[in-house]
Amino acid sequence: MSNTTFILVTPLNWGLGHASRCIPIIKALKENGFTPVIASDGNSLELLKKEFPEDIFEVLPNYNIEYAKNGKDFKFKIIKQIPRLLLAIAREKKIISKLIKKYPIKGILSDNRFGVYHKSIPSIYITHQIQVLSGNTSWISTKLHQHFIKKFDQCWIPDVKEGLNLSGKLSHVENLPKNCRFIGPLTRFKKESYPVKNDLLIILSGPEPQRTLLEDKLLLELKDYKNPIVLVRGIVENQQVITKDGTLTTYNFMDSKELEKTIHESDKVICRSGYTTIMDLAFLEKKAFFIPTPGQFEQEYLAKKLKKEGSIPSCKQEKFTAEKLHNIDIYTGFRKIDFSKNWAELFSLFKRK
């Protein structure tokens, strides 16, 4: 154990996106001789346990952020939960101190977990939201987020610095904090060649109740759809459950390899416009239709950005109809973006201190 270089990897449990984009990082750590210690909670922790069953896992406090049923109430519900969030961050710091002594940790990678850093250990924060959109309070949420970002040695932004990019004004800001660096987009997938079997793939994820509300809406609107549909509900459970009803095949969840294959085998994808999903689909150059989570300003912005660029169509959740899927072929789809990166150079911070 004394010769082992442990790196703590801690994705936020807010949907599955943070955990998903940590998958390529965890694989790269192993390939470069590090031993990851993976710490999270809820569905994010369960997803990573299924991806890396032989690895080390620890439990961190749940931020317990709840979404509003009505998108208009989203911001106010989040603001009301700030005291609970700060309490979770304080608990998080105590646990991190214990984990550092237990293993011991030589480096920290925190994907949007504010309390996961240590002054004596190289700490890296991962986010695509240098600017946090929250309507007329964006300046406050941005200032607060950058306050936490500056506590880390580095902040990795999973996007390209110049030219055509995926995150737009979320990360391409005028006064970028000095510790920030663009590392290129992240994806857990590889490009493979598979015959197309499904006309439509629906990928659901994210906190309740909006996940269920979208599922109900899509099943209603697509009930007369004649071509093969695969629905991945995004509910991580102990056992995979597969059901079939006419042309619809439903999975409660898929691991990364199975989801990658299913995306390749599907002509079109319907999903949220979460940033991790956008990176994955951009890498695979898939045709898609986005339905942003109501009231989540980041997803609404990203959907509008890609629609304005003529890449991917989208609409509000309550306005979706099956007929809107015809718009997919009118749009160009994703443009090519450079996903390559030098992991050895990125991880060099862990060897300097």
Protein backbone atom coordinates (compact mmCIF):
# COMPACT_ATOMS: atom_id res chain seq x y z
CA MET A 1 0.00 0.00 0.00
CA SER A 2 2.94 2.36 0.64
CA ASN A 3 3.86 2.23 -3.07
CA THR A 4 0.30 2.94 -4.18
CA THR A 5 -0.58 6.43 -5.39
CA PHE A 6 -4.22 6.93 -4.42
CA ILE A 7 -6.26 9.61 -6.21
CA LEU A 8 -9.66 10.55 -4.81
CA VAL A 9 -12.36 10.95 -7.50
CA THR A 10 -15.63 12.51 -6.34
CA PRO A 11 -18.48 13.19 -8.80
CA LEU A 12 -21.55 15.11 -7.68
CA ASN A 13 -24.74 13.03 -7.51
CA TRP A 14 -27.02 15.34 -9.51
CA GLY A 15 -28.29 13.26 -12.39
CA LEU A 16 -25.80 10.77 -13.85
CA GLY A 17 -23.77 13.21 -15.94
CA HIS A 18 -21.05 13.98 -13.40
CA ALA A 19 -20.41 10.30 -12.70
CA SER A 20 -20.52 9.43 -16.41
CA ARG A 21 -17.87 11.94 -17.40
CA CYS A 22 -15.63 10.73 -14.58
CA ILE A 23 -15.51 7.27 -16.20
CA PRO A 24 -12.84 8.23 -18.79
CA ILE A 25 -10.87 10.02 -16.07
CA ILE A 26 -10.90 6.95 -13.82
CA LYS A 27 -9.77 4.75 -16.73
CA ALA A 28 -6.98 7.23 -17.57
CA LEU A 29 -5.81 7.29 -13.95
CA LYS A 30 -5.41 3.51 -13.99
CA GLU A 31 -3.59 3.58 -17.33
CA ASN A 32 -1.13 6.10 -15.84
CA GLY A 33 -0.34 4.05 -12.75
CA PHE A 34 -2.68 5.66 -10.21
CA THR A 35 -5.21 3.90 -7.97
CA PRO A 36 -8.57 5.69 -7.84
CA VAL A 37 -10.63 5.93 -4.68
CA ILE A 38 -14.16 6.71 -5.86
CA ALA A 39 -16.45 8.60 -3.48
CA SER A 40 -19.99 9.79 -4.14
CA ASP A 41 -23.57 8.88 -3.17
CA GLY A 42 -26.86 7.65 -4.58
CA ASN A 43 -27.24 6.73 -8.25
CA SER A 44 -23.85 8.19 -9.18
CA LEU A 45 -22.09 5.88 -6.74
CA GLU A 46 -24.13 2.87 -7.91
CA LEU A 47 -23.36 3.60 -11.56
CA LEU A 48 -19.62 3.73 -10.90
CA LYS A 49 -19.74 0.55 -8.82
CA LYS A 50 -21.21 -1.23 -11.83
CA GLU A 51 -18.55 0.26 -14.12
CA PHE A 52 -15.62 -0.50 -11.81
CA PRO A 53 -16.67 -3.40 -9.54
CA GLU A 54 -13.11 -4.10 -8.35
CA ASP A 55 -12.31 -0.52 -7.28
CA ILE A 56 -12.36 1.23 -3.90
CA PHE A 57 -15.57 3.09 -2.98
CA GLU A 58 -16.54 5.47 -0.20
CA VAL A 59 -19.80 7.28 0.56
CA LEU A 60 -20.06 11.08 0.68
CA PRO A 61 -23.01 13.18 1.94
CA ASN A 62 -25.95 13.61 -0.39
CA TYR A 63 -26.49 17.27 -1.29
CA ASN A 64 -30.24 16.40 -1.36
CA ILE A 65 -31.04 19.03 -3.95
CA GLU A 66 -34.69 18.74 -4.93
CA TYR A 67 -36.23 19.94 -8.18
CA ALA A 68 -39.53 21.76 -8.43
CA LYS A 69 -42.41 20.26 -10.39
CA ASN A 70 -42.96 23.63 -12.01
CA GLY A 71 -39.92 24.93 -13.89
CA LYS A 72 -40.75 28.52 -12.88
CA ASP A 73 -40.18 27.58 -9.23
CA PHE A 74 -36.79 25.93 -9.88
CA LYS A 75 -34.59 28.85 -8.80
CA PHE A 76 -36.52 29.63 -5.63
CA LYS A 77 -36.53 25.99 -4.54
CA ILE A 78 -32.74 25.82 -5.01
CA ILE A 79 -32.20 29.04 -3.01
CA LYS A 80 -34.29 27.65 -0.12
CA GLN A 81 -31.99 24.62 0.01
CA ILE A 82 -28.71 26.56 0.32
CA PRO A 83 -28.44 26.02 4.13
CA ARG A 84 -28.81 22.26 3.61
CA LEU A 85 -26.17 22.41 0.86
CA LEU A 86 -23.70 24.26 3.11
CA LEU A 87 -24.25 21.67 5.85
CA ALA A 88 -23.49 18.86 3.38
CA ILE A 89 -20.30 20.64 2.29
CA ALA A 90 -19.16 20.93 5.91
CA ARG A 91 -19.80 17.20 6.45
CA GLU A 92 -18.00 16.49 3.18
CA LYS A 93 -14.84 18.26 4.39
CA LYS A 94 -14.74 16.15 7.57
CA ILE A 95 -15.07 12.92 5.61
CA ILE A 96 -12.33 13.98 3.18
CA SER A 97 -9.94 14.56 6.10
CA LYS A 98 -10.62 11.01 7.30
CA LEU A 99 -10.17 9.50 3.82
CA ILE A 100 -6.82 11.25 3.39
CA LYS A 101 -5.56 9.53 6.53
CA LYS A 102 -7.12 6.18 5.62
CA TYR A 103 -5.46 5.57 2.24
CA PRO A 104 -3.50 8.11 2.06
CA ILE A 105 -4.58 10.32 -0.82
CA LYS A 106 -1.98 11.97 -3.10
CA GLY A 107 -4.39 13.90 -5.31
CA ILE A 108 -8.05 14.95 -5.51
CA LEU A 109 -10.39 15.23 -8.50
CA SER A 110 -13.72 16.82 -7.61
CA ASP A 111 -16.47 17.02 -10.21
CA ASN A 112 -18.62 19.87 -8.86
CA ARG A 113 -18.31 18.86 -5.19
CA PHE A 114 -17.48 22.12 -3.43
CA GLY A 115 -16.03 20.69 -0.22
CA VAL A 116 -13.68 18.10 -1.72
CA TYR A 117 -10.26 19.77 -1.58
CA HIS A 118 -7.33 19.93 0.81
CA LYS A 119 -4.65 22.58 1.23
CA SER A 120 -1.81 20.07 1.48
CA ILE A 121 -2.92 17.84 -1.43
CA PRO A 122 -3.09 18.78 -5.15
CA SER A 123 -6.80 19.34 -5.76
CA ILE A 124 -8.53 19.65 -9.13
CA TYR A 125 -12.08 20.85 -9.68
CA ILE A 126 -14.00 19.82 -12.82
CA THR A 127 -16.79 21.98 -14.22
CA HIS A 128 -18.10 23.44 -17.47
CA GLN A 129 -19.97 26.19 -15.61
CA ILE A 130 -17.58 29.03 -14.88
CA GLN A 131 -20.66 31.18 -15.40
CA VAL A 132 -23.68 29.70 -13.60
CA LEU A 133 -26.93 30.76 -15.23
CA SER A 134 -29.81 31.40 -12.82
CA GLY A 135 -31.83 34.14 -14.52
CA ASN A 136 -31.55 37.56 -12.91
CA THR A 137 -29.38 36.10 -10.12
CA SER A 138 -26.72 34.72 -12.50
CA TRP A 139 -24.14 37.20 -11.21
CA ILE A 140 -24.61 35.92 -7.64
CA SER A 141 -24.53 32.21 -8.54
CA THR A 142 -21.48 32.80 -10.75
CA LYS A 143 -19.61 34.70 -8.04
CA LEU A 144 -20.40 32.00 -5.48
CA HIS A 145 -19.25 29.22 -7.80
CA GLN A 146 -16.01 31.00 -8.65
CA HIS A 147 -15.40 31.49 -4.92
CA PHE A 148 -15.26 27.71 -4.56
CA ILE A 149 -13.31 27.22 -7.81
CA LYS A 150 -10.47 29.41 -6.52
CA LYS A 151 -9.95 27.10 -3.52
CA PHE A 152 -8.56 24.41 -5.86
CA ASP A 153 -5.09 24.19 -7.42
CA GLN A 154 -6.61 23.75 -10.88
CA CYS A 155 -10.03 23.85 -12.48
CA TRP A 156 -10.48 21.62 -15.53
CA ILE A 157 -13.02 22.75 -18.11
CA PRO A 158 -14.10 19.86 -20.37
CA ASP A 159 -14.26 21.82 -23.62
CA VAL A 160 -11.97 23.35 -26.23
CA LYS A 161 -10.61 26.83 -25.57
CA GLU A 162 -11.09 28.43 -28.99
CA GLY A 163 -13.26 28.14 -32.07
CA LEU A 164 -16.25 25.83 -32.31
CA ASN A 165 -17.12 24.66 -28.79
CA LEU A 166 -19.88 22.91 -26.82
CA SER A 167 -20.29 24.98 -23.64
CA GLY A 168 -20.54 28.51 -25.08
CA LYS A 169 -20.83 31.30 -22.53
CA LEU A 170 -20.96 28.84 -19.62
CA SER A 171 -17.17 28.50 -19.70
CA HIS A 172 -15.92 30.99 -22.29
CA VAL A 173 -15.97 34.07 -20.08
CA GLU A 174 -13.99 37.31 -20.14
CA ASN A 175 -12.40 37.05 -16.70
CA LEU A 176 -11.52 33.37 -16.50
CA PRO A 177 -10.12 32.44 -13.07
CA LYS A 178 -6.34 31.98 -13.28
CA ASN A 179 -6.43 28.35 -12.13
CA CYS A 180 -8.76 27.30 -14.99
CA ARG A 181 -7.63 25.36 -18.04
CA PHE A 182 -9.51 23.87 -20.98
CA ILE A 183 -8.76 20.14 -21.29
CA GLY A 184 -11.04 19.24 -24.21
CA PRO A 185 -14.43 17.48 -23.98
CA LEU A 186 -14.75 14.20 -22.08
CA THR A 187 -16.54 11.06 -23.21
CA ARG A 188 -16.76 7.51 -21.89
CA PHE A 189 -17.52 6.15 -25.37
CA LYS A 190 -15.58 4.81 -28.36
CA LYS A 191 -16.59 4.94 -32.00
CA GLU A 192 -17.67 1.54 -33.30
CA SER A 193 -19.53 0.28 -36.36
CA TYR A 194 -22.93 -1.33 -35.73
CA PRO A 195 -25.98 -1.79 -37.99
CA VAL A 196 -28.91 0.48 -37.08
CA LYS A 197 -31.70 -1.52 -35.38
CA ASN A 198 -33.71 1.16 -33.57
CA ASP A 199 -35.39 4.17 -35.08
CA LEU A 200 -35.42 6.01 -31.77
CA LEU A 201 -33.48 5.85 -28.49
CA ILE A 202 -34.81 7.71 -25.45
CA ILE A 203 -32.28 8.34 -22.68
CA LEU A 204 -33.73 9.64 -19.41
CA SER A 205 -31.77 10.85 -16.39
CA GLY A 206 -31.73 13.54 -13.75
CA PRO A 207 -33.52 14.13 -10.45
CA GLU A 208 -37.19 13.55 -9.83
CA PRO A 209 -39.91 14.55 -10.38
CA GLN A 210 -38.83 15.89 -13.77
CA ARG A 211 -37.40 12.56 -14.94
CA THR A 212 -40.78 10.85 -14.47
CA LEU A 213 -42.72 13.79 -15.90
CA LEU A 214 -40.68 13.59 -19.12
CA GLU A 215 -41.05 9.81 -19.30
CA ASP A 216 -44.83 10.08 -18.99
CA LYS A 217 -44.95 12.83 -21.62
CA LEU A 218 -42.86 10.88 -24.14
CA LEU A 219 -44.78 7.63 -23.68
CA LEU A 220 -48.04 9.49 -24.28
CA GLU A 221 -46.82 11.31 -27.38
CA LEU A 222 -45.11 8.25 -28.90
CA LYS A 223 -47.78 5.65 -28.09
CA ASP A 224 -48.65 5.26 -31.81
CA TYR A 225 -45.04 5.29 -33.03
CA LYS A 226 -44.67 2.41 -35.52
CA ASN A 227 -40.89 1.96 -35.58
CA PRO A 228 -38.60 0.34 -32.93
CA ILE A 229 -37.98 2.47 -29.81
CA VAL A 230 -35.58 1.77 -26.95
CA LEU A 231 -36.21 3.60 -23.67
CA VAL A 232 -33.46 3.78 -21.03
CA ARG A 233 -35.15 5.08 -17.88
CA GLY A 234 -31.94 6.08 -16.05
CA ILE A 235 -32.93 4.36 -12.80
CA VAL A 236 -29.89 2.49 -11.46
CA GLU A 237 -30.97 -0.61 -9.52
CA ASN A 238 -29.34 -3.86 -8.39
CA GLN A 239 -30.64 -5.81 -11.37
CA GLN A 240 -31.25 -4.75 -14.94
CA VAL A 241 -34.92 -5.07 -15.90
CA ILE A 242 -35.96 -5.28 -19.57
CA THR A 243 -39.59 -5.14 -20.72
CA LYS A 244 -41.10 -5.19 -24.20
CA ASP A 245 -44.44 -3.75 -25.31
CA GLY A 246 -45.01 -3.77 -29.05
CA THR A 247 -42.29 -1.69 -30.69
CA LEU A 248 -41.08 -0.31 -27.32
CA THR A 249 -38.25 -1.97 -25.39
CA THR A 250 -37.59 -0.50 -21.93
CA TYR A 251 -34.48 -0.80 -19.73
CA ASN A 252 -34.27 0.55 -16.20
CA PHE A 253 -30.56 1.29 -16.83
CA MET A 254 -27.60 0.33 -19.02
CA ASP A 255 -23.91 0.24 -18.26
CA SER A 256 -21.61 2.37 -20.44
CA LYS A 257 -20.71 -0.38 -22.91
CA GLU A 258 -24.31 -1.39 -23.49
CA LEU A 259 -25.46 2.22 -23.81
CA GLU A 260 -22.64 2.97 -26.24
CA LYS A 261 -23.69 0.02 -28.44
CA THR A 262 -27.37 1.01 -28.27
CA ILE A 263 -26.58 4.60 -29.30
CA HIS A 264 -24.64 3.28 -32.30
CA GLU A 265 -27.57 1.02 -33.19
CA SER A 266 -30.11 3.87 -33.01
CA ASP A 267 -30.88 6.34 -35.77
CA LYS A 268 -32.04 9.19 -33.51
CA VAL A 269 -31.76 10.05 -29.81
CA ILE A 270 -34.20 11.96 -27.55
CA CYS A 271 -32.74 13.15 -24.24
CA ARG A 272 -32.07 16.06 -21.91
CA SER A 273 -29.56 18.69 -22.99
CA GLY A 274 -27.20 17.97 -20.11
CA TYR A 275 -23.59 18.80 -20.87
CA THR A 276 -22.25 15.25 -20.45
CA THR A 277 -24.89 13.92 -22.83
CA ILE A 278 -23.98 16.63 -25.34
CA MET A 279 -20.29 15.66 -25.14
CA ASP A 280 -21.09 11.97 -25.65
CA LEU A 281 -23.40 12.54 -28.61
CA ALA A 282 -21.05 15.09 -30.18
CA PHE A 283 -18.22 12.56 -30.03
CA LEU A 284 -20.40 9.89 -31.66
CA GLU A 285 -21.80 12.49 -34.14
CA LYS A 286 -25.39 11.31 -33.54
CA LYS A 287 -28.61 12.96 -34.64
CA ALA A 288 -30.62 14.05 -31.62
CA PHE A 289 -33.59 15.98 -30.23
CA PHE A 290 -33.15 17.78 -26.91
CA ILE A 291 -35.76 18.50 -24.24
CA PRO A 292 -34.13 20.57 -21.46
CA THR A 293 -35.20 20.11 -17.85
CA PRO A 294 -37.81 22.82 -17.14
CA GLY A 295 -36.33 25.73 -15.21
CA GLN A 296 -32.75 24.45 -15.43
CA PHE A 297 -31.12 27.46 -17.05
CA GLU A 298 -27.94 25.63 -18.09
CA GLN A 299 -29.79 22.97 -20.09
CA GLU A 300 -32.14 25.53 -21.60
CA TYR A 301 -29.19 27.64 -22.72
CA LEU A 302 -27.28 24.70 -24.23
CA ALA A 303 -30.38 23.53 -26.13
CA LYS A 304 -30.97 27.04 -27.50
CA LYS A 305 -27.28 27.41 -28.42
CA LEU A 306 -27.22 24.21 -30.49
CA LYS A 307 -30.57 25.02 -32.09
CA LYS A 308 -29.42 28.53 -33.02
CA GLU A 309 -26.24 27.10 -34.56
CA GLY A 310 -28.41 24.82 -36.71
CA SER A 311 -26.96 21.66 -35.13
CA ILE A 312 -29.67 20.02 -32.98
CA PRO A 313 -33.41 20.79 -32.67
CA SER A 314 -35.12 21.12 -29.29
CA CYS A 315 -38.30 22.28 -27.58
CA LYS A 316 -39.79 22.80 -24.14
CA GLN A 317 -41.05 19.70 -22.37
CA GLU A 318 -44.72 20.68 -22.48
CA LYS A 319 -44.54 21.47 -26.21
CA PHE A 320 -43.08 18.17 -27.39
CA THR A 321 -45.02 16.16 -29.97
CA ALA A 322 -43.96 13.20 -32.11
CA GLU A 323 -44.23 15.40 -35.22
CA LYS A 324 -41.34 17.55 -33.99
CA LEU A 325 -38.95 14.64 -34.55
CA HIS A 326 -39.16 15.37 -38.29
CA ASN A 327 -37.06 18.47 -37.57
CA ILE A 328 -34.02 16.34 -36.77
CA ASP A 329 -33.13 15.83 -40.44
CA ILE A 330 -33.38 19.56 -41.12
CA TYR A 331 -30.48 20.28 -38.75
CA THR A 332 -26.82 19.57 -39.53
CA GLY A 333 -26.06 17.49 -36.44
CA PHE A 334 -22.92 17.92 -34.36
CA ARG A 335 -19.75 19.31 -35.91
CA LYS A 336 -16.43 17.60 -35.23
CA ILE A 337 -14.56 18.74 -32.12
CA ASP A 338 -11.16 17.61 -30.85
CA PHE A 339 -11.53 15.15 -27.94
CA SER A 340 -7.84 14.19 -27.69
CA LYS A 341 -5.86 14.94 -24.53
CA ASN A 342 -2.49 14.28 -22.91
CA TRP A 343 -3.47 12.53 -19.67
CA ALA A 344 0.13 12.16 -18.47
CA GLU A 345 0.57 15.93 -18.65
CA LEU A 346 -2.79 16.60 -17.00
CA PHE A 347 -1.97 14.27 -14.11
CA SER A 348 1.51 15.76 -13.66
CA LEU A 349 0.16 17.99 -10.84
CA PHE A 350 -0.13 14.86 -8.68
CA LYS A 351 3.59 14.19 -9.05
CA ARG A 352 4.89 17.69 -8.39
CA LYS A 353 3.96 18.00 -4.73
